[in-house]
Amino acid sequence: MVKGLPQGGSGIHFRLTNKTVPDFNHGGNWVAMHKEGAIAPGIFTCFSPCPRGGSHVYEWTADARATKSGAILKRAKAVATHP
């Protein structure tokens, strides 16, 4: 659920980063959004956490932007260890 989308935002760029193995690209994508709400399943793809050799620390970053390549209007992050 996306909340707090800033005025002037036209979408959010989501990115998943493995903080334990930062060279691995888990991916992310741009999602066009003009209002708060849920993101439909399958709208973008990324490699889900599947750590080898113990737990890894993962970080989701969500950058709200006025345009796909424009300046960041607002940033949110969430960090968790998996498994």
C-alpha atoms as a PDB file:
ATOM      1  CA  MET A   1       0.000   0.000   0.000  1.00  0.00           C
ATOM      2  CA  VAL A   2       1.448   3.354  -1.037  1.00  0.00           C
ATOM      3  CA  LYS A   3       0.691   6.283   1.267  1.00  0.00           C
ATOM      4  CA  GLY A   4       2.035   9.812   1.429  1.00  0.00           C
ATOM      5  CA  LEU A   5       2.621  10.254  -2.307  1.00  0.00           C
ATOM      6  CA  PRO A   6       3.791  13.881  -2.643  1.00  0.00           C
ATOM      7  CA  GLN A   7       1.927  16.430  -4.735  1.00  0.00           C
ATOM      8  CA  GLY A   8       3.348  16.606  -8.225  1.00  0.00           C
ATOM      9  CA  GLY A   9       4.431  12.975  -8.160  1.00  0.00           C
ATOM     10  CA  SER A  10       3.611  10.894 -11.212  1.00  0.00           C
ATOM     11  CA  GLY A  11       5.162   7.645 -10.052  1.00  0.00           C
ATOM     12  CA  ILE A  12       7.569   5.748  -7.856  1.00  0.00           C
ATOM     13  CA  HIS A  13      10.806   3.976  -8.648  1.00  0.00           C
ATOM     14  CA  PHE A  14      11.144   0.877  -6.439  1.00  0.00           C
ATOM     15  CA  ARG A  15      14.510  -0.824  -5.916  1.00  0.00           C
ATOM     16  CA  LEU A  16      15.574  -3.870  -3.855  1.00  0.00           C
ATOM     17  CA  THR A  17      19.178  -3.929  -2.623  1.00  0.00           C
ATOM     18  CA  ASN A  18      21.052  -6.713  -0.845  1.00  0.00           C
ATOM     19  CA  LYS A  19      23.136  -4.861   1.757  1.00  0.00           C
ATOM     20  CA  THR A  20      25.133  -8.038   2.497  1.00  0.00           C
ATOM     21  CA  VAL A  21      26.025  -8.611  -1.187  1.00  0.00           C
ATOM     22  CA  PRO A  22      25.654  -5.139  -2.736  1.00  0.00           C
ATOM     23  CA  ASP A  23      27.005  -6.205  -6.156  1.00  0.00           C
ATOM     24  CA  PHE A  24      23.968  -8.432  -6.791  1.00  0.00           C
ATOM     25  CA  ASN A  25      21.269  -6.533  -8.704  1.00  0.00           C
ATOM     26  CA  HIS A  26      17.852  -7.527  -7.362  1.00  0.00           C
ATOM     27  CA  GLY A  27      16.214  -4.998  -9.638  1.00  0.00           C
ATOM     28  CA  GLY A  28      13.159  -2.818  -9.379  1.00  0.00           C
ATOM     29  CA  ASN A  29      11.011  -0.710 -11.643  1.00  0.00           C
ATOM     30  CA  TRP A  30       9.092   2.492 -12.232  1.00  0.00           C
ATOM     31  CA  VAL A  31       5.390   2.390 -11.365  1.00  0.00           C
ATOM     32  CA  ALA A  32       3.163   5.227 -12.598  1.00  0.00           C
ATOM     33  CA  MET A  33       0.983   6.432  -9.710  1.00  0.00           C
ATOM     34  CA  HIS A  34      -0.959   9.663  -9.315  1.00  0.00           C
ATOM     35  CA  LYS A  35      -2.688   8.816  -6.058  1.00  0.00           C
ATOM     36  CA  GLU A  36      -2.248   6.640  -2.992  1.00  0.00           C
ATOM     37  CA  GLY A  37      -3.265   2.995  -3.185  1.00  0.00           C
ATOM     38  CA  ALA A  38      -2.245  -0.570  -3.797  1.00  0.00           C
ATOM     39  CA  ILE A  39       0.107  -1.661  -6.554  1.00  0.00           C
ATOM     40  CA  ALA A  40      -1.315  -4.429  -8.692  1.00  0.00           C
ATOM     41  CA  PRO A  41       0.504  -7.781  -8.451  1.00  0.00           C
ATOM     42  CA  GLY A  42       2.898  -8.407 -11.335  1.00  0.00           C
ATOM     43  CA  ILE A  43       3.323  -4.724 -12.214  1.00  0.00           C
ATOM     44  CA  PHE A  44       7.100  -5.093 -11.911  1.00  0.00           C
ATOM     45  CA  THR A  45       9.615  -7.826 -11.282  1.00  0.00           C
ATOM     46  CA  CYS A  46      12.657  -8.227  -9.101  1.00  0.00           C
ATOM     47  CA  PHE A  47      14.683 -11.109  -7.741  1.00  0.00           C
ATOM     48  CA  SER A  48      13.250 -11.923  -4.339  1.00  0.00           C
ATOM     49  CA  PRO A  49      15.545 -12.578  -1.400  1.00  0.00           C
ATOM     50  CA  CYS A  50      17.151 -16.022  -1.552  1.00  0.00           C
ATOM     51  CA  PRO A  51      20.312 -15.762   0.523  1.00  0.00           C
ATOM     52  CA  ARG A  52      23.020 -18.370   0.352  1.00  0.00           C
ATOM     53  CA  GLY A  53      25.128 -19.001   3.409  1.00  0.00           C
ATOM     54  CA  GLY A  54      22.938 -17.491   6.128  1.00  0.00           C
ATOM     55  CA  SER A  55      20.936 -14.345   6.610  1.00  0.00           C
ATOM     56  CA  HIS A  56      21.265 -11.258   4.436  1.00  0.00           C
ATOM     57  CA  VAL A  57      20.111  -7.689   5.012  1.00  0.00           C
ATOM     58  CA  TYR A  58      17.786  -6.281   2.334  1.00  0.00           C
ATOM     59  CA  GLU A  59      16.642  -2.727   1.699  1.00  0.00           C
ATOM     60  CA  TRP A  60      13.656  -1.536  -0.320  1.00  0.00           C
ATOM     61  CA  THR A  61      13.909   2.039  -1.583  1.00  0.00           C
ATOM     62  CA  ALA A  62      10.926   3.900  -3.030  1.00  0.00           C
ATOM     63  CA  ASP A  63      11.632   7.215  -4.765  1.00  0.00           C
ATOM     64  CA  ALA A  64       8.612   9.349  -5.673  1.00  0.00           C
ATOM     65  CA  ARG A  65       9.305  11.487  -8.737  1.00  0.00           C
ATOM     66  CA  ALA A  66       7.456  13.990 -10.919  1.00  0.00           C
ATOM     67  CA  THR A  67       8.792  12.184 -14.007  1.00  0.00           C
ATOM     68  CA  LYS A  68      10.487   8.828 -14.499  1.00  0.00           C
ATOM     69  CA  SER A  69      13.967  10.378 -14.617  1.00  0.00           C
ATOM     70  CA  GLY A  70      13.194  13.549 -12.652  1.00  0.00           C
ATOM     71  CA  ALA A  71      14.383  14.692  -9.266  1.00  0.00           C
ATOM     72  CA  ILE A  72      13.363  12.711  -6.184  1.00  0.00           C
ATOM     73  CA  LEU A  73      10.415  14.397  -4.443  1.00  0.00           C
ATOM     74  CA  LYS A  74      10.296  12.002  -1.500  1.00  0.00           C
ATOM     75  CA  ARG A  75      12.163   8.839  -0.492  1.00  0.00           C
ATOM     76  CA  ALA A  76      11.098   5.956   1.735  1.00  0.00           C
ATOM     77  CA  LYS A  77      13.230   3.001   2.843  1.00  0.00           C
ATOM     78  CA  ALA A  78      12.599  -0.259   4.656  1.00  0.00           C
ATOM     79  CA  VAL A  79      15.343  -2.628   5.865  1.00  0.00           C
ATOM     80  CA  ALA A  80      14.928  -6.230   7.006  1.00  0.00           C
ATOM     81  CA  THR A  81      16.981  -9.380   7.503  1.00  0.00           C
ATOM     82  CA  HIS A  82      15.966 -12.523   5.616  1.00  0.00           C
ATOM     83  CA  PRO A  83      15.441 -15.232   6.680  1.00  0.00           C
END
